[in-house]
Structures are given as structure tokens and as C-alpha cells.
Protein backbone atom coordinates (compact mmCIF):
# COMPACT_ATOMS: atom_id res chain seq x y z
CA UNK A 1 1.21 -25.95 -40.30
CA UNK A 2 -0.53 -25.29 -37.03
CA UNK A 3 -1.40 -21.54 -36.61
CA UNK A 4 -1.05 -19.83 -33.30
CA UNK A 5 -4.83 -19.34 -33.25
CA UNK A 6 -5.15 -23.05 -33.17
CA UNK A 7 -2.58 -23.52 -30.54
CA UNK A 8 -4.23 -21.21 -27.98
CA UNK A 9 -7.12 -23.05 -26.18
CA UNK A 10 -10.56 -21.47 -26.34
CA UNK A 11 -10.55 -21.25 -22.48
CA UNK A 12 -7.24 -19.76 -22.36
CA UNK A 13 -6.70 -16.82 -19.87
CA UNK A 14 -5.03 -15.03 -22.73
CA UNK A 15 -8.29 -14.84 -24.70
CA UNK A 16 -10.03 -13.20 -21.70
CA UNK A 17 -7.07 -10.53 -21.31
CA UNK A 18 -7.14 -9.72 -25.08
CA UNK A 19 -10.92 -9.23 -24.94
CA UNK A 20 -10.78 -7.01 -21.87
CA UNK A 21 -7.90 -4.76 -23.07
CA UNK A 22 -9.48 -4.46 -26.56
CA UNK A 23 -12.65 -3.27 -24.90
CA UNK A 24 -10.96 -0.28 -23.22
CA UNK A 25 -11.03 3.19 -24.46
CA UNK A 26 -7.32 3.72 -23.93
CA UNK A 27 -7.31 7.24 -25.25
CA UNK A 28 -10.06 8.12 -22.86
CA UNK A 29 -8.14 6.54 -19.95
CA UNK A 30 -5.19 8.72 -20.49
CA UNK A 31 -2.88 6.67 -22.60
CA UNK A 32 -1.14 8.13 -25.63
CA UNK A 33 -2.32 6.29 -28.78
CA UNK A 34 -0.88 8.83 -31.19
CA UNK A 35 1.62 7.73 -33.92
CA UNK A 36 5.14 9.16 -33.97
CA UNK A 37 5.98 11.58 -36.69
CA UNK A 38 9.75 10.83 -36.37
CA UNK A 39 12.01 8.04 -35.29
CA UNK A 40 10.58 4.48 -34.60
CA UNK A 41 6.95 3.80 -34.60
CA UNK A 42 5.62 3.28 -31.08
CA UNK A 43 4.12 0.36 -29.64
CA UNK A 44 0.31 0.76 -28.94
CA UNK A 45 -0.26 0.83 -25.16
CA UNK A 46 -2.58 -2.17 -25.40
CA UNK A 47 0.51 -4.26 -26.18
CA UNK A 48 2.04 -3.45 -22.75
CA UNK A 49 -1.12 -3.60 -20.98
CA UNK A 50 -1.82 -7.08 -22.14
CA UNK A 51 1.79 -8.16 -21.49
CA UNK A 52 1.60 -6.92 -17.82
CA UNK A 53 -1.64 -8.46 -17.06
CA UNK A 54 -0.63 -11.84 -18.27
CA UNK A 55 2.72 -11.47 -16.70
CA UNK A 56 1.55 -10.73 -13.23
CA UNK A 57 -0.99 -13.37 -13.26
CA UNK A 58 1.71 -15.95 -14.03
CA UNK A 59 4.48 -14.76 -11.45
CA UNK A 60 6.42 -12.88 -14.20
CA UNK A 61 7.22 -9.31 -13.23
CA UNK A 62 10.68 -8.67 -14.55
CA UNK A 63 10.69 -6.60 -17.67
CA UNK A 64 13.71 -8.76 -18.90
CA UNK A 65 11.82 -11.88 -18.14
CA UNK A 66 8.78 -10.60 -19.85
CA UNK A 67 10.82 -9.68 -23.08
CA UNK A 68 12.12 -13.26 -23.13
CA UNK A 69 8.52 -14.63 -22.73
CA UNK A 70 7.36 -12.68 -25.76
CA UNK A 71 9.76 -14.74 -27.82
CA UNK A 72 8.93 -18.24 -26.59
CA UNK A 73 5.50 -18.24 -24.79
CA UNK A 74 2.90 -19.37 -27.48
CA UNK A 75 -0.06 -17.62 -25.58
CA UNK A 76 1.82 -14.24 -25.39
CA UNK A 77 2.99 -14.60 -28.95
CA UNK A 78 -0.69 -14.80 -29.93
CA UNK A 79 -1.77 -12.13 -27.58
CA UNK A 80 0.68 -9.61 -28.74
CA UNK A 81 0.46 -10.56 -32.41
CA UNK A 82 4.00 -11.81 -32.30
CA UNK A 83 5.40 -8.26 -31.18
CA UNK A 84 8.58 -8.51 -29.08
CA UNK A 85 9.01 -5.23 -27.26
CA UNK A 86 12.42 -4.56 -25.69
CA UNK A 87 12.78 -4.75 -21.79
CA UNK A 88 13.40 -1.02 -21.51
CA UNK A 89 10.31 -0.19 -23.34
CA UNK A 90 8.46 -2.60 -21.16
CA UNK A 91 9.81 -1.22 -17.93
CA UNK A 92 9.27 2.42 -18.91
CA UNK A 93 5.44 1.67 -19.61
CA UNK A 94 5.04 0.47 -15.90
CA UNK A 95 7.06 3.38 -14.49
CA UNK A 96 5.21 6.13 -16.43
CA UNK A 97 1.66 5.16 -16.46
CA UNK A 98 0.58 4.85 -12.74
CA UNK A 99 -2.39 7.09 -13.19
CA UNK A 100 -3.62 5.44 -16.38
CA UNK A 101 -3.41 2.10 -14.82
CA UNK A 102 -5.63 3.34 -12.05
CA UNK A 103 -8.15 4.47 -14.69
CA UNK A 104 -8.03 0.73 -16.08
CA UNK A 105 -8.57 -0.57 -12.43
CA UNK A 106 -11.66 1.83 -12.10
CA UNK A 107 -13.08 0.73 -15.38
CA UNK A 108 -12.94 -2.82 -14.26
CA UNK A 109 -14.66 -1.86 -11.11
CA UNK A 110 -17.43 -0.19 -12.94
CA UNK A 111 -17.85 -3.25 -15.01
CA UNK A 112 -18.29 -5.39 -12.03
CA UNK A 113 -20.67 -2.99 -10.47
CA UNK A 114 -22.79 -2.81 -13.85
CA UNK A 115 -22.88 -6.67 -13.82
CA UNK A 116 -24.09 -7.15 -10.31
CA UNK A 117 -20.68 -8.52 -9.09
CA UNK A 118 -20.33 -5.82 -6.40
CA UNK A 119 -22.92 -5.14 -3.49
CA UNK A 120 -21.19 -2.02 -2.43
CA UNK A 121 -22.89 -2.05 1.14
CA UNK A 122 -20.17 -3.94 3.21
CA UNK A 123 -16.44 -3.37 2.71
CA UNK A 124 -13.38 -4.63 4.56
CA UNK A 125 -10.24 -2.54 4.66
CA UNK A 126 -6.83 -3.76 5.53
CA UNK A 127 -3.07 -3.13 4.58
CA UNK A 128 -0.12 -5.41 3.78
CA UNK A 129 3.62 -4.66 3.71
CA UNK A 130 5.63 -5.30 0.65
CA UNK A 131 9.43 -4.91 0.85
CA UNK A 132 10.84 -1.90 -0.91
CA UNK A 133 14.01 -1.89 -3.05
CA UNK A 134 15.96 -0.52 -0.07
CA UNK A 135 17.77 -2.72 2.49
CA UNK A 136 17.65 -2.12 6.21
CA UNK A 137 21.30 -1.16 6.01
CA UNK A 138 20.42 1.83 3.89
CA UNK A 139 17.72 3.04 6.15
CA UNK A 140 18.72 5.49 9.02
CA UNK A 141 17.22 7.30 11.93
CA UNK A 142 19.00 9.88 14.15
CA UNK A 143 20.15 7.27 16.68
CA UNK A 144 21.59 4.96 13.96
CA UNK A 145 23.37 7.89 12.40
CA UNK A 146 24.77 8.81 15.87
CA UNK A 147 26.08 5.19 16.32
CA UNK A 148 27.81 5.39 13.01
CA UNK A 149 29.51 8.75 13.58
CA UNK A 150 30.64 7.54 17.04
CA UNK A 151 32.07 4.34 15.32
CA UNK A 152 34.00 6.56 12.83
CA UNK A 153 35.25 8.86 15.55
CA UNK A 154 36.61 5.73 17.61
CA UNK A 155 38.20 4.19 14.52
CA UNK A 156 39.93 7.49 13.56
CA UNK A 157 41.19 7.80 17.04
CA UNK A 158 42.74 4.31 16.85
CA UNK A 159 44.26 5.07 13.55
CA UNK A 160 45.87 8.30 14.78
CA UNK A 161 47.26 6.55 17.91
CA UNK A 162 48.62 3.97 15.51
CA UNK A 163 50.39 6.67 13.36
CA UNK A 164 51.81 8.21 16.57
CA UNK A 165 53.26 4.89 17.62
CA UNK A 166 54.77 4.45 14.09
CA UNK A 167 56.23 7.97 14.21
CA UNK A 168 57.86 7.19 17.56
CA UNK A 169 59.50 3.94 16.22
CA UNK A 170 60.00 5.33 12.72
CA UNK A 171 59.38 1.96 11.35
CA UNK A 172 56.34 1.25 9.28
CA UNK A 173 57.03 -2.56 9.18
CA UNK A 174 56.24 -2.96 12.81
CA UNK A 175 52.61 -1.85 12.17
CA UNK A 176 49.96 -4.02 10.72
CA UNK A 177 49.37 -1.50 7.95
CA UNK A 178 51.61 1.24 6.39
CA UNK A 179 51.43 4.88 7.13
CA UNK A 180 50.03 5.54 3.67
CA UNK A 181 47.29 2.93 4.06
CA UNK A 182 46.32 4.58 7.39
CA UNK A 183 45.99 7.94 6.09
CA UNK A 184 43.96 6.76 3.18
CA UNK A 185 41.58 4.88 5.50
CA UNK A 186 41.25 7.99 7.86
CA UNK A 187 40.32 10.07 4.70
CA UNK A 188 37.63 7.60 3.68
CA UNK A 189 36.17 7.58 7.24
CA UNK A 190 36.17 11.30 7.32
CA UNK A 191 34.31 11.40 4.04
CA UNK A 192 31.72 8.76 5.39
CA UNK A 193 31.30 10.97 8.55
CA UNK A 194 30.47 13.87 6.26
CA UNK A 195 27.72 11.78 4.37
CA UNK A 196 26.22 10.73 7.85
CA UNK A 197 26.11 14.42 9.05
CA UNK A 198 24.45 15.36 5.78
CA UNK A 199 21.71 12.68 6.41
CA UNK A 200 21.29 13.90 9.85
CA UNK A 201 20.86 17.50 8.60
CA UNK A 202 18.35 16.29 6.15
CA UNK A 203 16.33 14.63 8.91
CA UNK A 204 16.45 17.83 10.87
CA UNK A 205 15.07 19.91 7.97
CA UNK A 206 12.41 17.47 6.80
CA UNK A 207 11.22 16.65 10.29
CA UNK A 208 11.10 12.93 9.29
CA UNK A 209 12.03 10.33 11.84
CA UNK A 210 14.04 8.14 9.21
CA UNK A 211 15.46 8.25 5.93
CA UNK A 212 16.12 5.69 3.15
CA UNK A 213 19.05 6.26 0.69
CA UNK A 214 18.17 3.75 -2.05
CA UNK A 215 14.44 4.55 -2.22
CA UNK A 216 13.78 7.82 -0.51
CA UNK A 217 10.04 7.13 -0.16
CA UNK A 218 10.44 3.85 1.52
CA UNK A 219 10.02 3.48 5.32
CA UNK A 220 11.03 0.92 7.89
CA UNK A 221 7.73 -0.63 9.24
CA UNK A 222 6.73 -3.34 11.60
CA UNK A 223 5.68 -6.43 9.65
CA UNK A 224 4.63 -8.53 12.63
CA UNK A 225 5.72 -8.64 16.30
CA UNK A 226 9.11 -7.01 16.54
CA UNK A 227 10.14 -8.05 12.87
CA UNK A 228 10.66 -4.81 10.85
CA UNK A 229 11.35 -4.21 7.05
CA UNK A 230 11.92 -1.28 4.89
CA UNK A 231 8.69 -1.36 3.00
CA UNK A 232 5.50 0.17 1.66
CA UNK A 233 2.05 -0.20 3.02
CA UNK A 234 -0.55 -1.25 0.44
CA UNK A 235 -4.15 -0.51 1.44
CA UNK A 236 -7.17 -2.31 -0.20
CA UNK A 237 -10.87 -1.74 0.25
CA UNK A 238 -12.69 -4.95 -0.55
CA UNK A 239 -16.39 -5.68 -1.34
CA UNK A 240 -17.81 -8.57 0.65
CA UNK A 241 -19.90 -10.07 -2.14
CA UNK A 242 -17.27 -11.51 -4.34
CA UNK A 243 -14.10 -10.40 -2.61
CA UNK A 244 -13.24 -7.72 -5.48
CA UNK A 245 -11.04 -4.89 -4.70
CA UNK A 246 -12.98 -1.55 -4.98
CA UNK A 247 -10.01 0.90 -4.12
CA UNK A 248 -6.34 0.62 -3.58
CA UNK A 249 -3.31 2.82 -2.64
CA UNK A 250 0.31 2.48 -1.72
CA UNK A 251 1.38 4.52 1.30
CA UNK A 252 4.40 5.16 3.40
CA UNK A 253 2.65 5.19 6.80
CA UNK A 254 0.94 2.40 9.07
CA UNK A 255 -2.75 1.88 9.07
CA UNK A 256 -3.63 4.33 11.88
CA UNK A 257 -4.50 7.46 9.62
CA UNK A 258 -5.65 5.58 6.56
CA UNK A 259 -9.31 4.58 7.45
CA UNK A 260 -11.26 7.52 6.24
CA UNK A 261 -8.99 8.23 3.18
CA UNK A 262 -9.42 4.82 1.91
CA UNK A 263 -13.15 4.30 2.82
CA UNK A 264 -14.30 7.59 1.35
CA UNK A 265 -12.40 6.84 -1.90
CA UNK A 266 -14.20 3.49 -2.09
CA UNK A 267 -17.67 5.20 -1.25
CA UNK A 268 -16.86 7.70 -4.06
CA UNK A 269 -15.89 4.86 -6.55
CA UNK A 270 -19.15 2.99 -5.70
CA UNK A 271 -21.34 6.12 -5.83
CA UNK A 272 -22.98 5.18 -2.59
CA UNK A 273 -24.45 7.50 0.08
CA UNK A 274 -23.83 5.10 2.88
CA UNK A 275 -21.31 2.17 3.28
CA UNK A 276 -20.37 -0.07 6.27
CA UNK A 277 -16.68 -0.74 6.82
CA UNK A 278 -14.84 -3.40 8.70
CA UNK A 279 -11.28 -2.94 9.89
CA UNK A 280 -8.96 -4.40 12.38
CA UNK A 281 -7.63 -2.52 15.67
CA UNK A 282 -4.70 -1.09 13.85
CA UNK A 283 -7.10 1.46 12.35
CA UNK A 284 -8.84 2.42 15.60
CA UNK A 285 -8.22 6.08 15.74
CA UNK A 286 -10.81 8.56 17.17
CA UNK A 287 -10.19 11.24 14.55
CA UNK A 288 -10.51 8.84 11.71
CA UNK A 289 -13.63 7.24 13.29
CA UNK A 290 -15.14 10.81 13.85
CA UNK A 291 -14.51 11.77 10.10
CA UNK A 292 -16.13 8.45 8.88
CA UNK A 293 -19.17 9.08 11.02
CA UNK A 294 -19.60 12.58 9.53
CA UNK A 295 -19.13 11.18 5.94
CA UNK A 296 -21.90 8.57 6.25
CA UNK A 297 -19.28 5.69 6.64
CA UNK A 298 -20.55 3.31 9.28
CA UNK A 299 -17.51 1.72 10.91
CA UNK A 300 -16.85 -1.68 12.63
CA UNK A 301 -13.16 -1.14 13.84
CA UNK A 302 -12.05 -3.45 16.66
CA UNK A 303 -11.13 -1.51 19.68
CA UNK A 304 -7.58 -2.15 21.02
CA UNK A 305 -7.07 -4.21 24.00
CA UNK A 306 -6.26 -2.35 27.20
CA UNK A 307 -3.28 -3.83 29.02
CA UNK A 308 -3.06 -3.00 32.61
CA UNK A 309 0.52 -3.80 33.97
CA UNK A 310 -0.10 -1.81 37.27
CA UNK A 311 -1.93 -3.29 40.16
CA UNK A 312 -4.20 -0.35 40.15
CA UNK A 313 -6.95 0.26 38.95
CA UNK A 314 -8.28 -3.09 39.62
CA UNK A 315 -10.84 -4.78 37.30
CA UNK A 316 -13.76 -3.23 39.15
CA UNK A 317 -12.48 0.32 38.60
CA UNK A 318 -11.38 0.18 34.86
CA UNK A 319 -12.66 3.08 32.69
CA UNK A 320 -15.22 0.86 31.22
CA UNK A 321 -16.94 0.85 34.63
CA UNK A 322 -17.50 4.59 34.67
CA UNK A 323 -20.62 5.57 32.99
CA UNK A 324 -20.87 8.94 31.09
CA UNK A 325 -23.91 11.34 31.02
CA UNK A 326 -23.81 13.23 27.73
CA UNK A 327 -26.45 15.89 28.83
CA UNK A 328 -24.72 16.72 32.00
CA UNK A 329 -21.22 16.23 30.61
CA UNK A 330 -20.06 14.15 33.59
CA UNK A 331 -18.92 10.66 34.64
CA UNK A 332 -20.24 8.46 37.42
CA UNK A 333 -17.90 6.09 39.20
CA UNK A 334 -18.66 2.55 40.30
CA UNK A 335 -19.33 3.83 43.81
CA UNK A 336 -21.65 6.47 42.66
CA UNK A 337 -19.59 9.60 42.88
CA UNK A 338 -19.59 12.16 39.97
CA UNK A 339 -16.61 13.33 38.12
CA UNK A 340 -17.08 16.75 36.43
CA UNK A 341 -15.13 18.82 34.07
CA UNK A 342 -14.08 22.58 34.18
CA UNK A 343 -14.93 22.62 30.37
CA UNK A 344 -11.35 23.39 29.11
CA UNK A 345 -9.81 21.50 26.29
CA UNK A 346 -6.20 20.26 26.55
CA UNK A 347 -3.96 19.37 23.84
CA UNK A 348 -2.81 15.78 23.68
CA UNK A 349 -0.27 14.15 21.33
CA UNK A 350 0.28 10.49 20.47
CA UNK A 351 3.03 10.28 18.03
CA UNK A 352 2.04 12.40 14.84
CA UNK A 353 -1.56 12.27 15.94
CA UNK A 354 -2.73 15.56 17.80
CA UNK A 355 -6.14 15.84 19.47
CA UNK A 356 -7.83 17.39 22.50
CA UNK A 357 -9.21 16.08 25.63
CA UNK A 358 -11.22 17.37 28.65
CA UNK A 359 -10.51 16.33 32.23
CA UNK A 360 -12.93 14.92 34.54
CA UNK A 361 -12.23 14.65 38.43
CA UNK A 362 -13.77 14.86 41.88
CA UNK A 363 -12.63 15.85 45.37
CA UNK A 364 -14.63 12.80 46.74
CA UNK A 365 -11.70 10.71 45.85
CA UNK A 366 -9.76 12.11 48.89
CA UNK A 367 -11.99 10.34 51.37
CA UNK A 368 -13.28 7.50 49.24
CA UNK A 369 -12.41 4.10 50.81
CA UNK A 370 -11.93 2.45 47.42
CA UNK A 371 -9.33 5.09 46.20
CA UNK A 372 -6.52 2.68 46.66
CA UNK A 373 -8.09 0.17 44.15
CA UNK A 374 -9.05 3.03 41.80
CA UNK A 375 -5.96 5.09 41.32
CA UNK A 376 -2.41 5.71 42.34
CA UNK A 377 -2.67 9.46 41.86
CA UNK A 378 -2.67 11.19 45.30
CA UNK A 379 -4.99 13.83 43.97
CA UNK A 380 -7.66 11.36 43.03
CA UNK A 381 -8.87 9.71 39.73
CA UNK A 382 -8.58 11.66 36.58
CA UNK A 383 -10.37 10.76 33.40
CA UNK A 384 -9.41 11.98 29.92
CA UNK A 385 -12.31 12.25 27.51
CA UNK A 386 -11.21 12.79 23.77
CA UNK A 387 -13.00 15.20 21.65
CA UNK A 388 -13.83 12.18 19.31
CA UNK A 389 -14.97 9.86 22.19
CA UNK A 390 -18.63 9.83 21.13
CA UNK A 391 -17.75 8.39 17.70
CA UNK A 392 -15.21 6.09 19.36
CA UNK A 393 -17.94 4.80 21.84
CA UNK A 394 -20.46 4.26 19.06
CA UNK A 395 -18.14 2.32 16.94
CA UNK A 396 -17.04 0.07 19.84
CA UNK A 397 -20.82 -0.62 20.78
CA UNK A 398 -21.44 -1.57 17.16
CA UNK A 399 -18.59 -4.11 17.10
CA UNK A 400 -19.80 -5.73 20.29
CA UNK A 401 -23.39 -5.92 19.09
CA UNK A 402 -22.35 -7.27 15.74
CA UNK A 403 -19.40 -9.69 16.18
CA UNK A 404 -20.78 -11.96 13.46
CA UNK A 405 -20.48 -9.15 10.99
CA UNK A 406 -17.05 -8.06 12.17
CA UNK A 407 -15.65 -11.67 11.92
CA UNK A 408 -16.22 -11.55 8.09
CA UNK A 409 -13.34 -8.96 7.88
CA UNK A 410 -10.55 -11.55 7.90
CA UNK A 411 -12.26 -13.88 5.43
CA UNK A 412 -12.70 -10.98 2.98
CA UNK A 413 -9.17 -9.30 3.00
CA UNK A 414 -6.74 -12.12 3.68
CA UNK A 415 -8.02 -14.00 0.60
CA UNK A 416 -6.63 -11.32 -1.50
CA UNK A 417 -3.24 -10.76 0.23
CA UNK A 418 -2.90 -14.62 0.16
CA UNK A 419 -3.40 -14.73 -3.59
CA UNK A 420 -1.11 -11.74 -4.52
CA UNK A 421 1.72 -12.56 -1.98
CA UNK A 422 1.81 -16.26 -1.73
CA UNK A 423 0.66 -17.41 -4.93
CA UNK A 424 1.75 -14.68 -7.23
CA UNK A 425 4.99 -13.62 -5.44
CA UNK A 426 3.98 -9.99 -4.81
CA UNK A 427 5.85 -9.76 -1.52
CA UNK A 428 8.21 -6.96 -2.71
CA UNK A 429 8.04 -4.16 -5.13
CA UNK A 430 10.44 -3.84 -8.11
CA UNK A 431 9.83 -0.02 -8.41
CA UNK A 432 11.39 2.87 -6.40
CA UNK A 433 9.31 5.95 -5.39
CA UNK A 434 5.91 6.09 -4.15
CA UNK A 435 4.20 7.13 -7.33
CA UNK A 436 5.70 4.24 -9.25
CA UNK A 437 5.09 1.66 -6.47
CA UNK A 438 1.42 2.83 -6.63
CA UNK A 439 1.35 2.15 -10.41
CA UNK A 440 2.79 -1.41 -9.84
CA UNK A 441 0.15 -1.86 -7.03
CA UNK A 442 -2.51 -0.92 -9.62
CA UNK A 443 -1.26 -3.68 -12.09
CA UNK A 444 -1.43 -6.37 -9.24
CA UNK A 445 -4.87 -5.53 -8.11
CA UNK A 446 -6.26 -5.10 -11.62
CA UNK A 447 -4.79 -8.59 -12.46
CA UNK A 448 -6.53 -9.97 -9.26
CA UNK A 449 -9.85 -8.51 -10.10
CA UNK A 450 -9.66 -9.62 -13.65
CA UNK A 451 -8.87 -13.09 -12.60
CA UNK A 452 -11.64 -13.18 -10.02
CA UNK A 453 -14.33 -11.97 -12.35
CA UNK A 454 -13.12 -14.57 -14.94
CA UNK A 455 -13.41 -17.30 -12.38
CA UNK A 456 -17.03 -16.11 -11.42
CA UNK A 457 -18.26 -15.58 -15.05
CA UNK A 458 -16.26 -18.05 -16.92
CA UNK A 459 -13.97 -17.19 -19.89
CA UNK A 460 -16.59 -17.62 -22.63
CA UNK A 461 -19.26 -15.42 -20.91
CA UNK A 462 -16.59 -12.71 -19.88
CA UNK A 463 -15.37 -12.55 -23.56
CA UNK A 464 -18.84 -12.19 -24.87
CA UNK A 465 -19.63 -9.33 -22.47
CA UNK A 466 -16.24 -7.67 -23.36
CA UNK A 467 -17.02 -7.91 -27.02
CA UNK A 468 -20.40 -6.49 -26.49
CA UNK A 469 -18.86 -3.54 -24.79
CA UNK A 470 -16.69 -2.81 -27.59
CA UNK A 471 -18.08 0.01 -29.79
CA UNK A 472 -17.45 0.86 -33.42
CA UNK A 473 -15.46 3.89 -32.24
CA UNK A 474 -12.73 1.58 -30.75
CA UNK A 475 -12.03 -0.11 -34.12
CA UNK A 476 -11.74 3.36 -35.79
CA UNK A 477 -9.23 4.28 -33.07
CA UNK A 478 -6.92 1.35 -33.45
CA UNK A 479 -7.13 1.14 -37.40
CA UNK A 480 -4.25 3.35 -38.10
CA UNK A 481 -2.03 1.19 -35.90
CA UNK A 482 -3.15 -2.06 -37.60
CA UNK A 483 -2.21 -0.41 -41.00
CA UNK A 484 1.04 0.82 -39.54
CA UNK A 485 2.23 -2.50 -38.22
CA UNK A 486 1.34 -4.23 -41.44
CA UNK A 487 3.97 -2.01 -43.22
CA UNK A 488 6.68 -2.23 -40.56
CA UNK A 489 6.31 -5.89 -39.50
CA UNK A 490 9.47 -7.92 -40.11
CA UNK A 491 7.46 -11.24 -39.92
CA UNK A 492 5.78 -12.49 -43.02
CA UNK A 493 3.50 -14.64 -40.63
CA UNK A 494 1.95 -11.36 -39.12
CA UNK A 495 -1.42 -11.04 -41.12
CA UNK A 496 -3.29 -8.38 -39.22
CA UNK A 497 -6.17 -8.20 -41.76
CA UNK A 498 -6.82 -11.95 -41.86
CA UNK A 499 -6.03 -13.38 -38.37
CA UNK A 500 -9.03 -13.20 -35.89
CA UNK A 501 -6.61 -11.94 -33.17
CA UNK A 502 -4.10 -9.07 -33.83
CA UNK A 503 -1.93 -6.91 -31.63
CA UNK A 504 -4.86 -4.65 -30.89
CA UNK A 505 -8.24 -6.11 -31.55
CA UNK A 506 -10.06 -9.41 -32.04
């Protein structure tokens, strides 16, 4: 009779996953590895971790499908020691261990760094949208709520007119629906109106511009062009040497305010004093660029394209043609006039982003022959300079001088998103709530990094490195579980002491 050990090939991905999880100090990473004093004995967390990593690498994410695979997939039967956890236990592990999964991810990043797989000097940051468990129909903003309320008011008015007509004729049979049915419909509409008003009140209290009813943390976002979806925005900082993810996070917002947060977290993980970061124009934000500059993060963020729909200013008098003198704090226009400031700072707002600006102008505009080509303002040309303009200018100059470096960005980031979304089907999340979605994001990026490292090193070399990393303390930690499952196993074929692979160690 052929054993499971013989049926699993030496270069099977399952062997690499088994070696990796076995090498982890799960207790130190925050997992509960204690045995239960009452009730059913718990599964060791390594069982679920192996199951999820294998499942996500093979496009199997549903807890019910994972439960089924445990009973028919030979590699999983070998990997889990023929244990078959129920789908609820599988689902609960993913929902409750987001922070611990992040620790597993960081451990794999540390392994990559120690083995020379990360350079840690040049990173590319980008985001991708994944659909939330919330339809567009169940996402509301104030205008949408008002439209629904107006529709209900109009419909109720129609019903009331129909009731009045039936009262005049005193004959229900002439109407399309009976008086009782109309009264029931009106009652339901009024109840829906109360719910919409409740949503409107909640938007007013929270100050948010939208609300989702199925998943309160999900937000409607632009996917591309004018196409929108209720989604989460997954951020990833990727090292350029081997396209390995250094940091990830799930967020409710667009890319505009994410640059410094993601870059500084990646810098801390890599334990670097300086890093260089590539990002597309969606991350171009003066405040973020300024924070990065102060935190020794050298940015190469593409400046947004300025679209001039008006005939003025002409190409000869665009803002780029005005030179700034930092010592004198003034601008010089293309015809040689000097624009000065009164030194006051003025508040400026761009959506949720607030900043301050100085105004620069000159009286010479009133008599300048080029004024009609320069501005439509009757008082002359006015230039606004942001408090972060110096950092913005330095970033923009770096991009122009290093286009060869900036062009690496797309090659680094799109590779990862292509793998997880197109090949592994991670274009939507199965979880609700930002915290749980962040946990699932941790699984997919850990699975990606693991698969990438295995492809670079090879399974045999990777397994050897993992076994070398396993200390005797690990075996002592899992020994009680091995003895425990020996006693409670229903399968006579489970021989933990004899088989070279068990549920928890190899």
C-alpha cells in the first residue's frame, strides 16, 4: 500500500509550506498554542496556517471549499496529517488572527533580508482596488438618499390619490390593487423612508460622504476612468531586487494620503536610514512629499499633468515658466517682472486635504502688454505657493532627471497585482470590516512572497534553510500537541511518531 509520504512529490509546494510553518515560533508571533482544559481539543494554529497558504496559492479561498479539499486533496491530507477541521473553524481563524498573520508576513520579510533576497534601497509603492462584500446598491451618499426619499414621497402621493379615487367610486374592483394592498404598500414605503432618514442622520453625525450598509467599512472608489466599485484599496511596498512585498495594508481611502504612511512602515521594517520610493501621480501630494523628505525617504512621484482648458495662460506663461528665488522669496515672470508676497499664509482646502499658501503678485501686470496672454484676472497674475512647494519641486526635478529609474515602477508593482488578481483570483475580498480584510490581505501577500522565494531558491534549498532555522525549542513547544492528537485521532493510519511528516513538524 502506497503511503501519503510516497504520493507527495519531493518538489511539491506542500513540502515548502510545511517546512516554513514548522520553522515559525507561533507562540512568539501571538498565536494561542495552549491546550484546552475543557471541551474539544483545539487544532494547533499551524494546521490553519498551512491550509490557508496552500489554499490561496491554488485559488481556493472559501472555508467550505477548503474543508472539502482537506478530505480529497492528497497534498493537503499529507500537509495536515489527515486532520479535517470544519469550515467554521477555518473561517474563524482567518477572521480572528489578522495581527498574528502580519507577524508571520514580517518574519518572512526578515528571512528574505537575512538571505540577501532584499536590497532595501529602492521600493515601489502602489495600490489596487479589490471589491468589498457590499454592492453598489447598498452604498449611499446624501444625494442618493435624497433621490430615494423623493421617489418614496412621489409613490406615496400616487397611492393616496388612488385611495381617494377609490373612496369616491366606493368600488375596489375598479382599481388595479385593493385598498388594503395600497395601505400595506404605503406603510412599507414610510418604513423605508425612516431607514433612509436614519442613514442621512448617520452621515451628518459622522461627517462621512458615504455609507455602506452591508460592510460599513467599505467605500465606493474609482477603479479606472469613470468606473466605480464599492471596494478596499490594498497598498503594497515592493523591493526592486526580487519583487518581494515589504509592507502591505488595506485602507478605505485613495492613494493621495498613503505615501508617507506606507513608505515609513517599509523603512522601519527594513531597518534602513534612507530609502528611495517610486510612486505614480496618484500619490503626488505636497504634504506627503514633505513628510517623506523630513523622514529620509527620497521620493520619485510622477507630477500630475496640468490640463489648461482656458485659452489663457498661453504656453509661454504657464506657471512652469516663472522662476522662484528662495532667498528673496519672490517670482520672476517670463517678461522679467518680479512678483512679491506680503508674507501672509492663507488656508487652502482640496477635498479632505488642508494646507496653506502664500500669494505672489505685482502691479506691473496692469500695464504689461503680455497680460492678455498671461491671465484673465483683471487685477493681474496671482501665483499661489504651497507651504510644501520646496519638497514638491525637489521631487519633480528628481523624476525628470531620473526617468530611467522611475520607469522601473510599473515593472515592479504590476507584476504582483497581476499574480494575485489574475492568476490567484484575488479581485474581491471574502471578509467584512477593515480589520478582517487587512488579515486576508496578509494571507495573500504572505502566500505571494513565499511562492516568489521558493521560485528563486528552489524547493530543496528553501526546505533546508527552514529546517536549519528550526531550533530544539520549537519541537519542545509542539510535543504536547503531537501526544494529544495521538490519543484523540480517529484514524488508525495517523502515526505521528513514525511518519516523517505530521500535523505540526517534519
